[in-house]
Amino acid sequence: MARDPKSGHYDFGGVEVQDVIKAKLTPEQYEGWLLGNIIKYSLRCNFKGQKARDHEKIEFYAKWLGAEVAEKVAKEPEIVKDCETCASASAYSGCSEPEACTSHDKWNPKIEGGLATD
């Protein structure tokens, strides 16, 4: 089924063109493609005589871009700032109060492999 019910020609043959594009691009390229379409329809909406339809397309692409970004954010590990005790240490191993520090069991990009180990 077409993502845009008014543009069924994009899934002729049972394959949605947008799915093919997403499969062939990196996630960053795909987000750029979605953003590019938002820009395209935003710039042309006052000149092509289909203002309402262009606004619908802007909304579709914005919704799809928002979903991509939300999915990416949901997959990212939580980045925890150094606790005050660890702030001057090059890694959590230098913490003078490891039992009191609640950051030791969380993601830390300073530590090899990204995970703190006590």
C-alpha atoms as a PDB file:
ATOM      1  CA  MET A   1       0.000   0.000   0.000  1.00  0.00           C
ATOM      2  CA  ALA A   2       1.271   3.450  -0.857  1.00  0.00           C
ATOM      3  CA  ARG A   3       2.510   5.612   1.995  1.00  0.00           C
ATOM      4  CA  ASP A   4       0.721   8.517   0.359  1.00  0.00           C
ATOM      5  CA  PRO A   5      -2.785   7.375  -0.618  1.00  0.00           C
ATOM      6  CA  LYS A   6      -2.905   9.965  -3.400  1.00  0.00           C
ATOM      7  CA  SER A   7       0.315   8.672  -4.982  1.00  0.00           C
ATOM      8  CA  GLY A   8      -0.352   4.994  -5.573  1.00  0.00           C
ATOM      9  CA  HIS A   9       1.796   5.066  -8.705  1.00  0.00           C
ATOM     10  CA  TYR A  10       4.889   4.990  -6.450  1.00  0.00           C
ATOM     11  CA  ASP A  11       4.155   1.421  -5.350  1.00  0.00           C
ATOM     12  CA  PHE A  12       3.186   0.026  -8.740  1.00  0.00           C
ATOM     13  CA  GLY A  13       4.212  -3.618  -8.850  1.00  0.00           C
ATOM     14  CA  GLY A  14       4.016  -4.026  -5.078  1.00  0.00           C
ATOM     15  CA  VAL A  15       7.256  -2.230  -4.237  1.00  0.00           C
ATOM     16  CA  GLU A  16       7.213   1.234  -2.716  1.00  0.00           C
ATOM     17  CA  VAL A  17       9.824   3.451  -4.388  1.00  0.00           C
ATOM     18  CA  GLN A  18      10.654   5.018  -1.027  1.00  0.00           C
ATOM     19  CA  ASP A  19      11.550   1.562   0.368  1.00  0.00           C
ATOM     20  CA  VAL A  20      13.969   0.991  -2.520  1.00  0.00           C
ATOM     21  CA  ILE A  21      15.561   4.397  -1.931  1.00  0.00           C
ATOM     22  CA  LYS A  22      15.885   3.726   1.806  1.00  0.00           C
ATOM     23  CA  ALA A  23      17.460   0.322   1.147  1.00  0.00           C
ATOM     24  CA  LYS A  24      20.063   1.783  -1.220  1.00  0.00           C
ATOM     25  CA  LEU A  25      21.099   4.802   0.879  1.00  0.00           C
ATOM     26  CA  THR A  26      22.905   5.055   4.190  1.00  0.00           C
ATOM     27  CA  PRO A  27      20.715   6.255   7.075  1.00  0.00           C
ATOM     28  CA  GLU A  28      22.309   9.709   6.813  1.00  0.00           C
ATOM     29  CA  GLN A  29      21.722   9.853   3.054  1.00  0.00           C
ATOM     30  CA  TYR A  30      18.112   8.752   3.504  1.00  0.00           C
ATOM     31  CA  GLU A  31      17.500  11.477   6.099  1.00  0.00           C
ATOM     32  CA  GLY A  32      19.045  13.955   3.659  1.00  0.00           C
ATOM     33  CA  TRP A  33      16.752  12.728   0.897  1.00  0.00           C
ATOM     34  CA  LEU A  34      13.712  13.202   3.143  1.00  0.00           C
ATOM     35  CA  LEU A  35      14.886  16.682   4.155  1.00  0.00           C
ATOM     36  CA  GLY A  36      15.582  17.539   0.514  1.00  0.00           C
ATOM     37  CA  ASN A  37      11.993  16.679  -0.382  1.00  0.00           C
ATOM     38  CA  ILE A  38      10.702  18.863   2.456  1.00  0.00           C
ATOM     39  CA  ILE A  39      12.778  21.743   1.087  1.00  0.00           C
ATOM     40  CA  LYS A  40      11.685  21.062  -2.495  1.00  0.00           C
ATOM     41  CA  TYR A  41       7.964  21.079  -1.737  1.00  0.00           C
ATOM     42  CA  SER A  42       8.355  24.091   0.570  1.00  0.00           C
ATOM     43  CA  LEU A  43      10.038  26.135  -2.140  1.00  0.00           C
ATOM     44  CA  ARG A  44       7.668  25.247  -4.943  1.00  0.00           C
ATOM     45  CA  CYS A  45       4.340  25.371  -3.099  1.00  0.00           C
ATOM     46  CA  ASN A  46       3.616  28.988  -4.045  1.00  0.00           C
ATOM     47  CA  PHE A  47       4.441  28.567  -7.721  1.00  0.00           C
ATOM     48  CA  LYS A  48       3.064  25.276  -9.025  1.00  0.00           C
ATOM     49  CA  GLY A  49      -0.637  25.791  -8.370  1.00  0.00           C
ATOM     50  CA  GLN A  50      -0.963  22.834  -6.001  1.00  0.00           C
ATOM     51  CA  LYS A  51      -0.314  24.537  -2.691  1.00  0.00           C
ATOM     52  CA  ALA A  52      -2.539  22.279  -0.566  1.00  0.00           C
ATOM     53  CA  ARG A  53      -1.068  19.133  -2.127  1.00  0.00           C
ATOM     54  CA  ASP A  54       2.493  20.376  -1.650  1.00  0.00           C
ATOM     55  CA  HIS A  55       1.704  21.072   2.004  1.00  0.00           C
ATOM     56  CA  GLU A  56       0.430  17.494   2.375  1.00  0.00           C
ATOM     57  CA  LYS A  57       3.700  16.214   0.911  1.00  0.00           C
ATOM     58  CA  ILE A  58       5.715  18.410   3.277  1.00  0.00           C
ATOM     59  CA  GLU A  59       3.784  16.874   6.176  1.00  0.00           C
ATOM     60  CA  PHE A  60       4.377  13.312   4.876  1.00  0.00           C
ATOM     61  CA  TYR A  61       8.126  13.821   4.483  1.00  0.00           C
ATOM     62  CA  ALA A  62       8.386  15.594   7.857  1.00  0.00           C
ATOM     63  CA  LYS A  63       6.552  12.710   9.544  1.00  0.00           C
ATOM     64  CA  TRP A  64       8.867  10.141   7.919  1.00  0.00           C
ATOM     65  CA  LEU A  65      11.963  12.171   8.827  1.00  0.00           C
ATOM     66  CA  GLY A  66      10.751  12.513  12.404  1.00  0.00           C
ATOM     67  CA  ALA A  67      10.258   8.752  12.621  1.00  0.00           C
ATOM     68  CA  GLU A  68      13.787   8.119  11.301  1.00  0.00           C
ATOM     69  CA  VAL A  69      15.324  10.517  13.802  1.00  0.00           C
ATOM     70  CA  ALA A  70      13.273   9.092  16.692  1.00  0.00           C
ATOM     71  CA  GLU A  71      14.333   5.558  15.760  1.00  0.00           C
ATOM     72  CA  LYS A  72      17.990   6.592  15.648  1.00  0.00           C
ATOM     73  CA  VAL A  73      17.773   8.382  19.006  1.00  0.00           C
ATOM     74  CA  ALA A  74      16.092   5.360  20.594  1.00  0.00           C
ATOM     75  CA  LYS A  75      19.041   3.169  19.534  1.00  0.00           C
ATOM     76  CA  GLU A  76      21.753   5.513  20.852  1.00  0.00           C
ATOM     77  CA  PRO A  77      23.312   4.648  24.182  1.00  0.00           C
ATOM     78  CA  GLU A  78      22.826   7.093  27.003  1.00  0.00           C
ATOM     79  CA  ILE A  79      25.789   9.434  27.263  1.00  0.00           C
ATOM     80  CA  VAL A  80      26.523  10.287  30.864  1.00  0.00           C
ATOM     81  CA  LYS A  81      28.685  13.230  31.778  1.00  0.00           C
ATOM     82  CA  ASP A  82      31.494  12.594  34.192  1.00  0.00           C
ATOM     83  CA  CYS A  83      30.499  12.895  37.802  1.00  0.00           C
ATOM     84  CA  GLU A  84      32.167  15.695  39.734  1.00  0.00           C
ATOM     85  CA  THR A  85      34.556  13.245  41.368  1.00  0.00           C
ATOM     86  CA  CYS A  86      35.601  11.751  38.020  1.00  0.00           C
ATOM     87  CA  ALA A  87      35.765  15.028  36.098  1.00  0.00           C
ATOM     88  CA  SER A  88      39.524  15.318  36.262  1.00  0.00           C
ATOM     89  CA  ALA A  89      40.202  11.619  35.731  1.00  0.00           C
ATOM     90  CA  SER A  90      41.049  10.349  32.247  1.00  0.00           C
ATOM     91  CA  ALA A  91      38.752   7.387  32.891  1.00  0.00           C
ATOM     92  CA  TYR A  92      36.525   6.294  35.731  1.00  0.00           C
ATOM     93  CA  SER A  93      39.327   4.138  37.089  1.00  0.00           C
ATOM     94  CA  GLY A  94      40.731   7.335  38.584  1.00  0.00           C
ATOM     95  CA  CYS A  95      37.637   8.027  40.657  1.00  0.00           C
ATOM     96  CA  SER A  96      38.398   8.410  44.349  1.00  0.00           C
ATOM     97  CA  GLU A  97      34.865   7.408  45.341  1.00  0.00           C
ATOM     98  CA  PRO A  98      33.767   4.613  42.964  1.00  0.00           C
ATOM     99  CA  GLU A  99      31.143   3.300  45.397  1.00  0.00           C
ATOM    100  CA  ALA A 100      29.478   6.727  45.596  1.00  0.00           C
ATOM    101  CA  CYS A 101      29.700   7.444  41.879  1.00  0.00           C
ATOM    102  CA  THR A 102      26.526   6.405  40.062  1.00  0.00           C
ATOM    103  CA  SER A 103      28.049   6.972  36.613  1.00  0.00           C
ATOM    104  CA  HIS A 104      30.410   3.990  36.659  1.00  0.00           C
ATOM    105  CA  ASP A 105      27.897   1.530  35.247  1.00  0.00           C
ATOM    106  CA  LYS A 106      26.874   3.748  32.344  1.00  0.00           C
ATOM    107  CA  TRP A 107      28.232   4.476  28.890  1.00  0.00           C
ATOM    108  CA  ASN A 108      31.384   6.564  28.776  1.00  0.00           C
ATOM    109  CA  PRO A 109      33.020   7.300  25.424  1.00  0.00           C
ATOM    110  CA  LYS A 110      36.357   7.982  27.177  1.00  0.00           C
ATOM    111  CA  ILE A 111      36.757   4.342  28.163  1.00  0.00           C
ATOM    112  CA  GLU A 112      37.925   1.763  25.650  1.00  0.00           C
ATOM    113  CA  GLY A 113      34.882  -0.113  24.381  1.00  0.00           C
ATOM    114  CA  GLY A 114      32.589   2.563  25.803  1.00  0.00           C
ATOM    115  CA  LEU A 115      31.483   0.726  28.911  1.00  0.00           C
ATOM    116  CA  ALA A 116      32.836   1.501  32.341  1.00  0.00           C
ATOM    117  CA  THR A 117      34.111  -1.454  34.283  1.00  0.00           C
ATOM    118  CA  ASP A 118      34.953  -1.368  37.955  1.00  0.00           C
END
